[in-house]
């Protein structure tokens, strides 16, 4: 028991000493950033001056399309293992998968009837 306590305490002591030394060494040996005007301006895909306010909210439709994509794309994750074991599952597996696909189809019909994907 004492060897385990000695090992744990020595690891803690080494970490308490090594971590600050490593931080100081990287601060002293690492490259120094000079304060330059060009480095402090915003730059995104070639546009040097931003247009408009950056706090404008996105339309909810973008999030809705992304969420629906993820929802209907996850079905593939459930279909691959089913396709591998379809012979072992037998008729119960086939009925179960068609029930799952019917529920997904019902969700897709609901989204279509609710006109959730119209962009007006």
PDB file of N, CA and C in Angstrom:
ATOM      1  N   UNK A   1       0.830  -1.206   0.000  1.00  0.00           N
ATOM      2  CA  UNK A   1       0.000   0.000   0.000  1.00  0.00           C
ATOM      3  C   UNK A   1       0.863   1.254   0.000  1.00  0.00           C
ATOM      4  N   UNK A   2       1.972   1.241   0.717  1.00  0.00           N
ATOM      5  CA  UNK A   2       2.810   2.427   0.811  1.00  0.00           C
ATOM      6  C   UNK A   2       3.508   2.725  -0.516  1.00  0.00           C
ATOM      7  N   UNK A   3       3.806   1.686  -1.307  1.00  0.00           N
ATOM      8  CA  UNK A   3       4.435   1.939  -2.599  1.00  0.00           C
ATOM      9  C   UNK A   3       3.466   2.658  -3.545  1.00  0.00           C
ATOM     10  N   UNK A   4       2.173   2.348  -3.451  1.00  0.00           N
ATOM     11  CA  UNK A   4       1.179   3.025  -4.290  1.00  0.00           C
ATOM     12  C   UNK A   4       1.020   4.484  -3.878  1.00  0.00           C
ATOM     13  N   UNK A   5       1.028   4.734  -2.583  1.00  0.00           N
ATOM     14  CA  UNK A   5       0.928   6.113  -2.102  1.00  0.00           C
ATOM     15  C   UNK A   5       2.160   6.900  -2.512  1.00  0.00           C
ATOM     16  N   UNK A   6       3.341   6.270  -2.397  1.00  0.00           N
ATOM     17  CA  UNK A   6       4.577   6.937  -2.814  1.00  0.00           C
ATOM     18  C   UNK A   6       4.563   7.250  -4.302  1.00  0.00           C
ATOM     19  N   UNK A   7       4.099   6.301  -5.122  1.00  0.00           N
ATOM     20  CA  UNK A   7       4.025   6.513  -6.570  1.00  0.00           C
ATOM     21  C   UNK A   7       3.058   7.645  -6.915  1.00  0.00           C
ATOM     22  N   UNK A   8       1.870   7.647  -6.295  1.00  0.00           N
ATOM     23  CA  UNK A   8       0.878   8.684  -6.575  1.00  0.00           C
ATOM     24  C   UNK A   8       1.387  10.058  -6.140  1.00  0.00           C
ATOM     25  N   UNK A   9       2.001  10.131  -4.965  1.00  0.00           N
ATOM     26  CA  UNK A   9       2.487  11.434  -4.495  1.00  0.00           C
ATOM     27  C   UNK A   9       3.657  11.925  -5.348  1.00  0.00           C
ATOM     28  N   UNK A  10       4.523  11.020  -5.798  1.00  0.00           N
ATOM     29  CA  UNK A  10       5.637  11.464  -6.639  1.00  0.00           C
ATOM     30  C   UNK A  10       5.142  11.933  -8.007  1.00  0.00           C
ATOM     31  N   UNK A  11       4.122  11.293  -8.559  1.00  0.00           N
ATOM     32  CA  UNK A  11       3.542  11.747  -9.830  1.00  0.00           C
ATOM     33  C   UNK A  11       2.946  13.136  -9.671  1.00  0.00           C
ATOM     34  N   UNK A  12       2.239  13.366  -8.566  1.00  0.00           N
ATOM     35  CA  UNK A  12       1.629  14.684  -8.316  1.00  0.00           C
ATOM     36  C   UNK A  12       2.715  15.747  -8.168  1.00  0.00           C
ATOM     37  N   UNK A  13       3.776  15.439  -7.440  1.00  0.00           N
ATOM     38  CA  UNK A  13       4.859  16.407  -7.249  1.00  0.00           C
ATOM     39  C   UNK A  13       5.534  16.733  -8.587  1.00  0.00           C
ATOM     40  N   UNK A  14       5.778  15.717  -9.398  1.00  0.00           N
ATOM     41  CA  UNK A  14       6.409  15.945 -10.694  1.00  0.00           C
ATOM     42  C   UNK A  14       5.513  16.809 -11.579  1.00  0.00           C
ATOM     43  N   UNK A  15       4.208  16.542 -11.582  1.00  0.00           N
ATOM     44  CA  UNK A  15       3.289  17.341 -12.388  1.00  0.00           C
ATOM     45  C   UNK A  15       3.211  18.781 -11.894  1.00  0.00           C
ATOM     46  N   UNK A  16       3.196  18.963 -10.581  1.00  0.00           N
ATOM     47  CA  UNK A  16       3.112  20.316 -10.021  1.00  0.00           C
ATOM     48  C   UNK A  16       4.369  21.114 -10.365  1.00  0.00           C
ATOM     49  N   UNK A  17       5.493  20.457 -10.467  1.00  0.00           N
ATOM     50  CA  UNK A  17       6.729  21.157 -10.807  1.00  0.00           C
ATOM     51  C   UNK A  17       6.884  21.291 -12.320  1.00  0.00           C
ATOM     52  N   UNK A  18       6.551  20.244 -13.083  1.00  0.00           N
ATOM     53  CA  UNK A  18       6.818  20.225 -14.523  1.00  0.00           C
ATOM     54  C   UNK A  18       5.901  21.152 -15.307  1.00  0.00           C
ATOM     55  N   UNK A  19       4.649  21.232 -14.938  1.00  0.00           N
ATOM     56  CA  UNK A  19       3.705  22.040 -15.720  1.00  0.00           C
ATOM     57  C   UNK A  19       4.068  23.521 -15.712  1.00  0.00           C
ATOM     58  N   UNK A  20       4.329  24.141 -14.562  1.00  0.00           N
ATOM     59  CA  UNK A  20       4.737  25.554 -14.624  1.00  0.00           C
ATOM     60  C   UNK A  20       6.063  25.770 -15.363  1.00  0.00           C
ATOM     61  N   UNK A  21       7.003  24.824 -15.233  1.00  0.00           N
ATOM     62  CA  UNK A  21       8.277  24.959 -15.949  1.00  0.00           C
ATOM     63  C   UNK A  21       8.046  24.910 -17.449  1.00  0.00           C
ATOM     64  N   UNK A  22       7.171  24.017 -17.907  1.00  0.00           N
ATOM     65  CA  UNK A  22       6.878  23.939 -19.336  1.00  0.00           C
ATOM     66  C   UNK A  22       6.199  25.204 -19.846  1.00  0.00           C
ATOM     67  N   UNK A  23       5.281  25.756 -19.061  1.00  0.00           N
ATOM     68  CA  UNK A  23       4.627  27.005 -19.469  1.00  0.00           C
ATOM     69  C   UNK A  23       5.627  28.147 -19.556  1.00  0.00           C
ATOM     70  N   UNK A  24       6.521  28.246 -18.589  1.00  0.00           N
ATOM     71  CA  UNK A  24       7.534  29.300 -18.630  1.00  0.00           C
ATOM     72  C   UNK A  24       8.492  29.106 -19.808  1.00  0.00           C
ATOM     73  N   UNK A  25       8.871  27.865 -20.081  1.00  0.00           N
ATOM     74  CA  UNK A  25       9.799  27.600 -21.183  1.00  0.00           C
ATOM     75  C   UNK A  25       9.171  27.949 -22.525  1.00  0.00           C
ATOM     76  N   UNK A  26       7.915  27.622 -22.727  1.00  0.00           N
ATOM     77  CA  UNK A  26       7.283  27.965 -24.004  1.00  0.00           C
ATOM     78  C   UNK A  26       7.105  29.469 -24.132  1.00  0.00           C
ATOM     79  N   UNK A  27       6.876  30.154 -23.019  1.00  0.00           N
ATOM     80  CA  UNK A  27       6.760  31.604 -23.078  1.00  0.00           C
ATOM     81  C   UNK A  27       8.070  32.281 -23.418  1.00  0.00           C
ATOM     82  N   UNK A  28       9.176  31.735 -22.917  1.00  0.00           N
ATOM     83  CA  UNK A  28      10.496  32.324 -23.174  1.00  0.00           C
ATOM     84  C   UNK A  28      11.064  31.901 -24.533  1.00  0.00           C
ATOM     85  N   UNK A  29      10.861  30.637 -24.907  1.00  0.00           N
ATOM     86  CA  UNK A  29      11.475  30.117 -26.124  1.00  0.00           C
ATOM     87  C   UNK A  29      10.608  30.268 -27.366  1.00  0.00           C
ATOM     88  N   UNK A  30       9.320  30.481 -27.185  1.00  0.00           N
ATOM     89  CA  UNK A  30       8.404  30.554 -28.318  1.00  0.00           C
ATOM     90  C   UNK A  30       8.524  31.856 -29.078  1.00  0.00           C
ATOM     91  N   UNK A  31       7.878  31.925 -30.245  1.00  0.00           N
ATOM     92  CA  UNK A  31       7.949  33.152 -31.046  1.00  0.00           C
ATOM     93  C   UNK A  31       7.176  34.289 -30.373  1.00  0.00           C
ATOM     94  N   UNK A  32       7.662  35.489 -30.598  1.00  0.00           N
ATOM     95  CA  UNK A  32       7.015  36.679 -30.029  1.00  0.00           C
ATOM     96  C   UNK A  32       6.131  37.314 -31.095  1.00  0.00           C
ATOM     97  N   UNK A  33       4.894  37.606 -30.735  1.00  0.00           N
ATOM     98  CA  UNK A  33       3.977  38.280 -31.660  1.00  0.00           C
ATOM     99  C   UNK A  33       4.150  39.786 -31.516  1.00  0.00           C
ATOM    100  N   UNK A  34       4.420  40.420 -32.635  1.00  0.00           N
ATOM    101  CA  UNK A  34       4.537  41.869 -32.631  1.00  0.00           C
ATOM    102  C   UNK A  34       3.153  42.463 -32.829  1.00  0.00           C
ATOM    103  N   UNK A  35       2.917  43.570 -32.187  1.00  0.00           N
ATOM    104  CA  UNK A  35       1.632  44.251 -32.322  1.00  0.00           C
ATOM    105  C   UNK A  35       1.625  45.009 -33.641  1.00  0.00           C
ATOM    106  N   UNK A  36       0.938  44.450 -34.616  1.00  0.00           N
ATOM    107  CA  UNK A  36       0.851  45.080 -35.915  1.00  0.00           C
ATOM    108  C   UNK A  36      -0.608  45.352 -36.234  1.00  0.00           C
ATOM    109  N   UNK A  37      -0.841  46.456 -36.916  1.00  0.00           N
ATOM    110  CA  UNK A  37      -2.200  46.841 -37.255  1.00  0.00           C
ATOM    111  C   UNK A  37      -2.844  45.820 -38.179  1.00  0.00           C
ATOM    112  N   UNK A  38      -2.073  45.279 -39.122  1.00  0.00           N
ATOM    113  CA  UNK A  38      -2.622  44.333 -40.089  1.00  0.00           C
ATOM    114  C   UNK A  38      -3.037  43.026 -39.441  1.00  0.00           C
ATOM    115  N   UNK A  39      -2.358  42.636 -38.373  1.00  0.00           N
ATOM    116  CA  UNK A  39      -2.690  41.370 -37.731  1.00  0.00           C
ATOM    117  C   UNK A  39      -3.938  41.476 -36.859  1.00  0.00           C
ATOM    118  N   UNK A  40      -4.328  42.652 -36.486  1.00  0.00           N
ATOM    119  CA  UNK A  40      -5.462  42.820 -35.581  1.00  0.00           C
ATOM    120  C   UNK A  40      -6.782  43.083 -36.289  1.00  0.00           C
ATOM    121  N   UNK A  41      -6.768  43.253 -37.621  1.00  0.00           N
ATOM    122  CA  UNK A  41      -8.030  43.487 -38.314  1.00  0.00           C
ATOM    123  C   UNK A  41      -8.675  42.153 -38.660  1.00  0.00           C
ATOM    124  N   UNK A  42      -9.990  42.176 -38.814  1.00  0.00           N
ATOM    125  CA  UNK A  42     -10.696  40.939 -39.154  1.00  0.00           C
ATOM    126  C   UNK A  42     -10.501  40.617 -40.625  1.00  0.00           C
ATOM    127  N   UNK A  43     -10.399  39.321 -40.918  1.00  0.00           N
ATOM    128  CA  UNK A  43     -10.169  38.877 -42.289  1.00  0.00           C
ATOM    129  C   UNK A  43     -10.896  37.557 -42.473  1.00  0.00           C
ATOM    130  N   UNK A  44     -11.780  37.513 -43.428  1.00  0.00           N
ATOM    131  CA  UNK A  44     -12.516  36.284 -43.679  1.00  0.00           C
ATOM    132  C   UNK A  44     -12.729  36.140 -45.169  1.00  0.00           C
ATOM    133  N   UNK A  45     -12.163  35.137 -45.741  1.00  0.00           N
ATOM    134  CA  UNK A  45     -12.293  34.762 -47.155  1.00  0.00           C
ATOM    135  C   UNK A  45     -12.035  35.934 -48.105  1.00  0.00           C
ATOM    136  N   UNK A  46     -11.029  36.720 -47.826  1.00  0.00           N
ATOM    137  CA  UNK A  46     -10.630  37.764 -48.741  1.00  0.00           C
ATOM    138  C   UNK A  46     -11.315  39.098 -48.526  1.00  0.00           C
ATOM    139  N   UNK A  47     -12.322  39.167 -47.699  1.00  0.00           N
ATOM    140  CA  UNK A  47     -13.036  40.412 -47.454  1.00  0.00           C
ATOM    141  C   UNK A  47     -12.352  41.117 -46.291  1.00  0.00           C
ATOM    142  N   UNK A  48     -11.788  42.286 -46.549  1.00  0.00           N
ATOM    143  CA  UNK A  48     -11.048  42.967 -45.501  1.00  0.00           C
ATOM    144  C   UNK A  48     -11.922  43.872 -44.657  1.00  0.00           C
ATOM    145  N   UNK A  49     -13.028  44.342 -45.220  1.00  0.00           N
ATOM    146  CA  UNK A  49     -13.929  45.189 -44.442  1.00  0.00           C
ATOM    147  C   UNK A  49     -15.285  44.512 -44.358  1.00  0.00           C
ATOM    148  N   UNK A  50     -15.789  44.383 -43.144  1.00  0.00           N
ATOM    149  CA  UNK A  50     -17.081  43.724 -42.983  1.00  0.00           C
ATOM    150  C   UNK A  50     -18.207  44.668 -43.392  1.00  0.00           C
ATOM    151  N   UNK A  51     -19.247  44.089 -43.940  1.00  0.00           N
ATOM    152  CA  UNK A  51     -20.396  44.853 -44.409  1.00  0.00           C
ATOM    153  C   UNK A  51     -21.566  44.556 -43.491  1.00  0.00           C
ATOM    154  N   UNK A  52     -22.152  45.564 -42.935  1.00  0.00           N
ATOM    155  CA  UNK A  52     -23.318  45.375 -42.088  1.00  0.00           C
ATOM    156  C   UNK A  52     -22.945  44.988 -40.667  1.00  0.00           C
ATOM    157  N   UNK A  53     -23.974  44.657 -39.927  1.00  0.00           N
ATOM    158  CA  UNK A  53     -23.811  44.303 -38.526  1.00  0.00           C
ATOM    159  C   UNK A  53     -23.617  42.795 -38.407  1.00  0.00           C
ATOM    160  N   UNK A  54     -22.665  42.371 -37.608  1.00  0.00           N
ATOM    161  CA  UNK A  54     -22.416  40.941 -37.460  1.00  0.00           C
ATOM    162  C   UNK A  54     -23.387  40.283 -36.488  1.00  0.00           C
ATOM    163  N   UNK A  55     -24.216  41.043 -35.839  1.00  0.00           N
ATOM    164  CA  UNK A  55     -25.164  40.495 -34.877  1.00  0.00           C
ATOM    165  C   UNK A  55     -26.531  40.197 -35.490  1.00  0.00           C
ATOM    166  N   UNK A  56     -26.654  40.273 -36.817  1.00  0.00           N
ATOM    167  CA  UNK A  56     -27.928  39.952 -37.451  1.00  0.00           C
ATOM    168  C   UNK A  56     -28.207  38.472 -37.296  1.00  0.00           C
ATOM    169  N   UNK A  57     -29.398  38.117 -36.850  1.00  0.00           N
ATOM    170  CA  UNK A  57     -29.694  36.691 -36.661  1.00  0.00           C
ATOM    171  C   UNK A  57     -29.945  35.994 -37.989  1.00  0.00           C
ATOM    172  N   UNK A  58     -29.629  34.699 -38.024  1.00  0.00           N
ATOM    173  CA  UNK A  58     -29.932  33.879 -39.186  1.00  0.00           C
ATOM    174  C   UNK A  58     -31.402  33.495 -39.150  1.00  0.00           C
ATOM    175  N   UNK A  59     -31.919  33.176 -40.300  1.00  0.00           N
ATOM    176  CA  UNK A  59     -33.295  32.710 -40.372  1.00  0.00           C
ATOM    177  C   UNK A  59     -33.390  31.326 -39.737  1.00  0.00           C
ATOM    178  N   UNK A  60     -34.508  31.053 -39.116  1.00  0.00           N
ATOM    179  CA  UNK A  60     -34.734  29.772 -38.465  1.00  0.00           C
ATOM    180  C   UNK A  60     -34.776  28.651 -39.496  1.00  0.00           C
ATOM    181  N   UNK A  61     -35.064  28.984 -40.726  1.00  0.00           N
ATOM    182  CA  UNK A  61     -35.171  27.968 -41.769  1.00  0.00           C
ATOM    183  C   UNK A  61     -33.845  27.248 -42.009  1.00  0.00           C
ATOM    184  N   UNK A  62     -32.727  27.933 -41.825  1.00  0.00           N
ATOM    185  CA  UNK A  62     -31.433  27.272 -41.971  1.00  0.00           C
ATOM    186  C   UNK A  62     -31.278  26.177 -40.924  1.00  0.00           C
ATOM    187  N   UNK A  63     -31.641  26.495 -39.693  1.00  0.00           N
ATOM    188  CA  UNK A  63     -31.537  25.511 -38.626  1.00  0.00           C
ATOM    189  C   UNK A  63     -32.527  24.369 -38.835  1.00  0.00           C
ATOM    190  N   UNK A  64     -33.699  24.686 -39.337  1.00  0.00           N
ATOM    191  CA  UNK A  64     -34.713  23.666 -39.577  1.00  0.00           C
ATOM    192  C   UNK A  64     -34.262  22.690 -40.662  1.00  0.00           C
ATOM    193  N   UNK A  65     -33.683  23.198 -41.727  1.00  0.00           N
ATOM    194  CA  UNK A  65     -33.189  22.323 -42.790  1.00  0.00           C
ATOM    195  C   UNK A  65     -32.059  21.442 -42.268  1.00  0.00           C
ATOM    196  N   UNK A  66     -31.168  22.008 -41.487  1.00  0.00           N
ATOM    197  CA  UNK A  66     -30.067  21.212 -40.930  1.00  0.00           C
ATOM    198  C   UNK A  66     -30.586  20.133 -39.991  1.00  0.00           C
ATOM    199  N   UNK A  67     -31.550  20.474 -39.162  1.00  0.00           N
ATOM    200  CA  UNK A  67     -32.112  19.500 -38.233  1.00  0.00           C
ATOM    201  C   UNK A  67     -32.842  18.391 -38.967  1.00  0.00           C
ATOM    202  N   UNK A  68     -33.593  18.742 -39.991  1.00  0.00           N
ATOM    203  CA  UNK A  68     -34.299  17.717 -40.768  1.00  0.00           C
ATOM    204  C   UNK A  68     -33.319  16.834 -41.529  1.00  0.00           C
ATOM    205  N   UNK A  69     -32.238  17.424 -42.029  1.00  0.00           N
ATOM    206  CA  UNK A  69     -31.227  16.614 -42.701  1.00  0.00           C
ATOM    207  C   UNK A  69     -30.634  15.593 -41.747  1.00  0.00           C
ATOM    208  N   UNK A  70     -30.278  16.034 -40.553  1.00  0.00           N
ATOM    209  CA  UNK A  70     -29.701  15.110 -39.572  1.00  0.00           C
ATOM    210  C   UNK A  70     -30.718  14.041 -39.193  1.00  0.00           C
ATOM    211  N   UNK A  71     -31.959  14.439 -39.003  1.00  0.00           N
ATOM    212  CA  UNK A  71     -33.003  13.492 -38.604  1.00  0.00           C
ATOM    213  C   UNK A  71     -33.197  12.404 -39.650  1.00  0.00           C
ATOM    214  N   UNK A  72     -33.298  12.782 -40.909  1.00  0.00           N
ATOM    215  CA  UNK A  72     -33.537  11.795 -41.949  1.00  0.00           C
ATOM    216  C   UNK A  72     -32.252  11.122 -42.410  1.00  0.00           C
ATOM    217  N   UNK A  73     -31.109  11.670 -42.068  1.00  0.00           N
ATOM    218  CA  UNK A  73     -29.859  11.035 -42.421  1.00  0.00           C
ATOM    219  C   UNK A  73     -29.468   9.958 -41.418  1.00  0.00           C
ATOM    220  N   UNK A  74     -29.908  10.087 -40.193  1.00  0.00           N
ATOM    221  CA  UNK A  74     -29.590   9.107 -39.156  1.00  0.00           C
ATOM    222  C   UNK A  74     -30.250   7.769 -39.456  1.00  0.00           C
ATOM    223  N   UNK A  75     -31.285   7.780 -40.254  1.00  0.00           N
ATOM    224  CA  UNK A  75     -31.938   6.518 -40.589  1.00  0.00           C
ATOM    225  C   UNK A  75     -30.987   5.572 -41.294  1.00  0.00           C
ATOM    226  N   UNK A  76     -30.023   6.087 -42.024  1.00  0.00           N
ATOM    227  CA  UNK A  76     -29.044   5.235 -42.694  1.00  0.00           C
ATOM    228  C   UNK A  76     -28.210   4.470 -41.671  1.00  0.00           C
ATOM    229  N   UNK A  77     -27.928   5.111 -40.548  1.00  0.00           N
ATOM    230  CA  UNK A  77     -27.160   4.452 -39.494  1.00  0.00           C
ATOM    231  C   UNK A  77     -27.908   3.229 -38.978  1.00  0.00           C
ATOM    232  N   UNK A  78     -29.220   3.296 -38.922  1.00  0.00           N
ATOM    233  CA  UNK A  78     -30.006   2.162 -38.445  1.00  0.00           C
ATOM    234  C   UNK A  78     -30.255   1.130 -39.541  1.00  0.00           C
ATOM    235  N   UNK A  79     -30.163   1.527 -40.796  1.00  0.00           N
ATOM    236  CA  UNK A  79     -30.439   0.589 -41.880  1.00  0.00           C
ATOM    237  C   UNK A  79     -29.238  -0.290 -42.224  1.00  0.00           C
ATOM    238  N   UNK A  80     -28.016   0.186 -42.030  1.00  0.00           N
ATOM    239  CA  UNK A  80     -26.856  -0.635 -42.351  1.00  0.00           C
ATOM    240  C   UNK A  80     -26.772  -1.906 -41.510  1.00  0.00           C
ATOM    241  N   UNK A  81     -26.880  -1.826 -40.177  1.00  0.00           N
ATOM    242  CA  UNK A  81     -26.833  -3.080 -39.412  1.00  0.00           C
ATOM    243  C   UNK A  81     -28.005  -4.002 -39.738  1.00  0.00           C
ATOM    244  N   UNK A  82     -29.146  -3.421 -40.030  1.00  0.00           N
ATOM    245  CA  UNK A  82     -30.298  -4.250 -40.400  1.00  0.00           C
ATOM    246  C   UNK A  82     -30.016  -4.981 -41.712  1.00  0.00           C
ATOM    247  N   UNK A  83     -29.415  -4.296 -42.674  1.00  0.00           N
ATOM    248  CA  UNK A  83     -29.127  -4.912 -43.965  1.00  0.00           C
ATOM    249  C   UNK A  83     -28.103  -6.037 -43.824  1.00  0.00           C
ATOM    250  N   UNK A  84     -27.197  -5.923 -42.875  1.00  0.00           N
ATOM    251  CA  UNK A  84     -26.204  -6.972 -42.665  1.00  0.00           C
ATOM    252  C   UNK A  84     -26.858  -8.223 -42.069  1.00  0.00           C
ATOM    253  N   UNK A  85     -27.797  -8.045 -41.140  1.00  0.00           N
ATOM    254  CA  UNK A  85     -28.416  -9.164 -40.429  1.00  0.00           C
ATOM    255  C   UNK A  85     -29.817  -9.492 -40.907  1.00  0.00           C
ATOM    256  N   UNK A  86     -30.195  -9.095 -42.101  1.00  0.00           N
ATOM    257  CA  UNK A  86     -31.578  -9.281 -42.547  1.00  0.00           C
ATOM    258  C   UNK A  86     -31.939 -10.765 -42.646  1.00  0.00           C
ATOM    259  N   UNK A  87     -31.008 -11.605 -43.030  1.00  0.00           N
ATOM    260  CA  UNK A  87     -31.314 -13.034 -43.136  1.00  0.00           C
ATOM    261  C   UNK A  87     -31.494 -13.668 -41.762  1.00  0.00           C
ATOM    262  N   UNK A  88     -30.706 -13.241 -40.799  1.00  0.00           N
ATOM    263  CA  UNK A  88     -30.813 -13.801 -39.450  1.00  0.00           C
ATOM    264  C   UNK A  88     -32.073 -13.311 -38.737  1.00  0.00           C
ATOM    265  N   UNK A  89     -32.512 -12.106 -39.038  1.00  0.00           N
ATOM    266  CA  UNK A  89     -33.691 -11.552 -38.370  1.00  0.00           C
ATOM    267  C   UNK A  89     -34.986 -12.162 -38.894  1.00  0.00           C
ATOM    268  N   UNK A  90     -34.996 -12.550 -40.124  1.00  0.00           N
ATOM    269  CA  UNK A  90     -36.184 -13.183 -40.703  1.00  0.00           C
ATOM    270  C   UNK A  90     -37.303 -12.177 -40.941  1.00  0.00           C
ATOM    271  N   UNK A  91     -38.519 -12.696 -40.898  1.00  0.00           N
ATOM    272  CA  UNK A  91     -39.690 -11.860 -41.182  1.00  0.00           C
ATOM    273  C   UNK A  91     -39.898 -10.781 -40.126  1.00  0.00           C
ATOM    274  N   UNK A  92     -39.550 -11.088 -38.887  1.00  0.00           N
ATOM    275  CA  UNK A  92     -39.706 -10.078 -37.832  1.00  0.00           C
ATOM    276  C   UNK A  92     -38.845  -8.860 -38.131  1.00  0.00           C
ATOM    277  N   UNK A  93     -37.610  -9.070 -38.602  1.00  0.00           N
ATOM    278  CA  UNK A  93     -36.723  -7.958 -38.942  1.00  0.00           C
ATOM    279  C   UNK A  93     -37.233  -7.153 -40.113  1.00  0.00           C
ATOM    280  N   UNK A  94     -37.817  -7.838 -41.100  1.00  0.00           N
ATOM    281  CA  UNK A  94     -38.361  -7.134 -42.265  1.00  0.00           C
ATOM    282  C   UNK A  94     -39.546  -6.276 -41.858  1.00  0.00           C
ATOM    283  N   UNK A  95     -40.443  -6.829 -41.056  1.00  0.00           N
ATOM    284  CA  UNK A  95     -41.607  -6.066 -40.598  1.00  0.00           C
ATOM    285  C   UNK A  95     -41.163  -4.889 -39.733  1.00  0.00           C
ATOM    286  N   UNK A  96     -40.171  -5.132 -38.894  1.00  0.00           N
ATOM    287  CA  UNK A  96     -39.672  -4.067 -38.024  1.00  0.00           C
ATOM    288  C   UNK A  96     -39.071  -2.921 -38.853  1.00  0.00           C
ATOM    289  N   UNK A  97     -38.302  -3.241 -39.883  1.00  0.00           N
ATOM    290  CA  UNK A  97     -37.693  -2.189 -40.698  1.00  0.00           C
ATOM    291  C   UNK A  97     -38.736  -1.441 -41.509  1.00  0.00           C
ATOM    292  N   UNK A  98     -39.731  -2.158 -42.028  1.00  0.00           N
ATOM    293  CA  UNK A  98     -40.772  -1.453 -42.773  1.00  0.00           C
ATOM    294  C   UNK A  98     -41.603  -0.569 -41.849  1.00  0.00           C
ATOM    295  N   UNK A  99     -41.771  -0.966 -40.604  1.00  0.00           N
ATOM    296  CA  UNK A  99     -42.445  -0.097 -39.637  1.00  0.00           C
ATOM    297  C   UNK A  99     -41.618   1.160 -39.382  1.00  0.00           C
ATOM    298  N   UNK A 100     -40.318   0.985 -39.232  1.00  0.00           N
ATOM    299  CA  UNK A 100     -39.422   2.126 -39.032  1.00  0.00           C
ATOM    300  C   UNK A 100     -39.456   3.066 -40.231  1.00  0.00           C
ATOM    301  N   UNK A 101     -39.417   2.511 -41.434  1.00  0.00           N
ATOM    302  CA  UNK A 101     -39.458   3.347 -42.631  1.00  0.00           C
ATOM    303  C   UNK A 101     -40.813   4.016 -42.800  1.00  0.00           C
ATOM    304  N   UNK A 102     -41.891   3.364 -42.349  1.00  0.00           N
ATOM    305  CA  UNK A 102     -43.214   3.981 -42.412  1.00  0.00           C
ATOM    306  C   UNK A 102     -43.291   5.175 -41.460  1.00  0.00           C
ATOM    307  N   UNK A 103     -42.681   5.050 -40.297  1.00  0.00           N
ATOM    308  CA  UNK A 103     -42.653   6.191 -39.371  1.00  0.00           C
ATOM    309  C   UNK A 103     -41.849   7.348 -39.949  1.00  0.00           C
ATOM    310  N   UNK A 104     -40.738   7.047 -40.592  1.00  0.00           N
ATOM    311  CA  UNK A 104     -39.962   8.109 -41.235  1.00  0.00           C
ATOM    312  C   UNK A 104     -40.731   8.753 -42.382  1.00  0.00           C
ATOM    313  N   UNK A 105     -41.451   7.937 -43.147  1.00  0.00           N
ATOM    314  CA  UNK A 105     -42.261   8.475 -44.232  1.00  0.00           C
ATOM    315  C   UNK A 105     -43.376   9.360 -43.681  1.00  0.00           C
ATOM    316  N   UNK A 106     -43.981   8.952 -42.565  1.00  0.00           N
ATOM    317  CA  UNK A 106     -45.012   9.787 -41.936  1.00  0.00           C
ATOM    318  C   UNK A 106     -44.430  11.123 -41.491  1.00  0.00           C
ATOM    319  N   UNK A 107     -43.203  11.113 -40.965  1.00  0.00           N
ATOM    320  CA  UNK A 107     -42.545  12.362 -40.579  1.00  0.00           C
ATOM    321  C   UNK A 107     -42.253  13.237 -41.776  1.00  0.00           C
ATOM    322  N   UNK A 108     -41.826  12.629 -42.868  1.00  0.00           N
ATOM    323  CA  UNK A 108     -41.553  13.397 -44.081  1.00  0.00           C
ATOM    324  C   UNK A 108     -42.833  13.997 -44.655  1.00  0.00           C
ATOM    325  N   UNK A 109     -43.920  13.244 -44.621  1.00  0.00           N
ATOM    326  CA  UNK A 109     -45.214  13.768 -45.093  1.00  0.00           C
ATOM    327  C   UNK A 109     -45.672  14.923 -44.206  1.00  0.00           C
ATOM    328  N   UNK A 110     -45.462  14.795 -42.904  1.00  0.00           N
ATOM    329  CA  UNK A 110     -45.829  15.882 -41.984  1.00  0.00           C
ATOM    330  C   UNK A 110     -45.034  17.149 -42.297  1.00  0.00           C
ATOM    331  N   UNK A 111     -43.728  16.997 -42.527  1.00  0.00           N
ATOM    332  CA  UNK A 111     -42.892  18.158 -42.845  1.00  0.00           C
ATOM    333  C   UNK A 111     -43.340  18.780 -44.160  1.00  0.00           C
ATOM    334  N   UNK A 112     -43.694  17.960 -45.131  1.00  0.00           N
ATOM    335  CA  UNK A 112     -44.137  18.465 -46.422  1.00  0.00           C
ATOM    336  C   UNK A 112     -45.472  19.191 -46.301  1.00  0.00           C
ATOM    337  N   UNK A 113     -46.409  18.618 -45.546  1.00  0.00           N
ATOM    338  CA  UNK A 113     -47.729  19.251 -45.403  1.00  0.00           C
ATOM    339  C   UNK A 113     -47.657  20.519 -44.552  1.00  0.00           C
ATOM    340  N   UNK A 114     -46.739  20.554 -43.600  1.00  0.00           N
ATOM    341  CA  UNK A 114     -46.575  21.751 -42.761  1.00  0.00           C
ATOM    342  C   UNK A 114     -45.826  22.854 -43.508  1.00  0.00           C
ATOM    343  N   UNK A 115     -45.357  22.559 -44.722  1.00  0.00           N
ATOM    344  CA  UNK A 115     -44.606  23.495 -45.562  1.00  0.00           C
ATOM    345  C   UNK A 115     -43.419  24.064 -44.819  1.00  0.00           C
ATOM    346  N   UNK A 116     -42.701  23.167 -44.126  1.00  0.00           N
ATOM    347  CA  UNK A 116     -41.554  23.597 -43.344  1.00  0.00           C
ATOM    348  C   UNK A 116     -40.357  23.931 -44.222  1.00  0.00           C
ATOM    349  N   UNK A 117     -40.349  23.450 -45.453  1.00  0.00           N
ATOM    350  CA  UNK A 117     -39.202  23.680 -46.316  1.00  0.00           C
ATOM    351  C   UNK A 117     -39.451  24.724 -47.398  1.00  0.00           C
ATOM    352  N   UNK A 118     -40.540  25.477 -47.295  1.00  0.00           N
ATOM    353  CA  UNK A 118     -40.776  26.541 -48.262  1.00  0.00           C
ATOM    354  C   UNK A 118     -39.974  27.778 -47.865  1.00  0.00           C
ATOM    355  N   UNK A 119     -39.388  28.450 -48.846  1.00  0.00           N
ATOM    356  CA  UNK A 119     -38.526  29.601 -48.592  1.00  0.00           C
ATOM    357  C   UNK A 119     -39.204  30.881 -49.096  1.00  0.00           C
ATOM    358  N   UNK A 120     -40.128  31.374 -48.361  1.00  0.00           N
ATOM    359  CA  UNK A 120     -40.801  32.614 -48.758  1.00  0.00           C
ATOM    360  C   UNK A 120     -40.594  33.699 -47.754  1.00  0.00           C
TER     361      UNK A 120
END
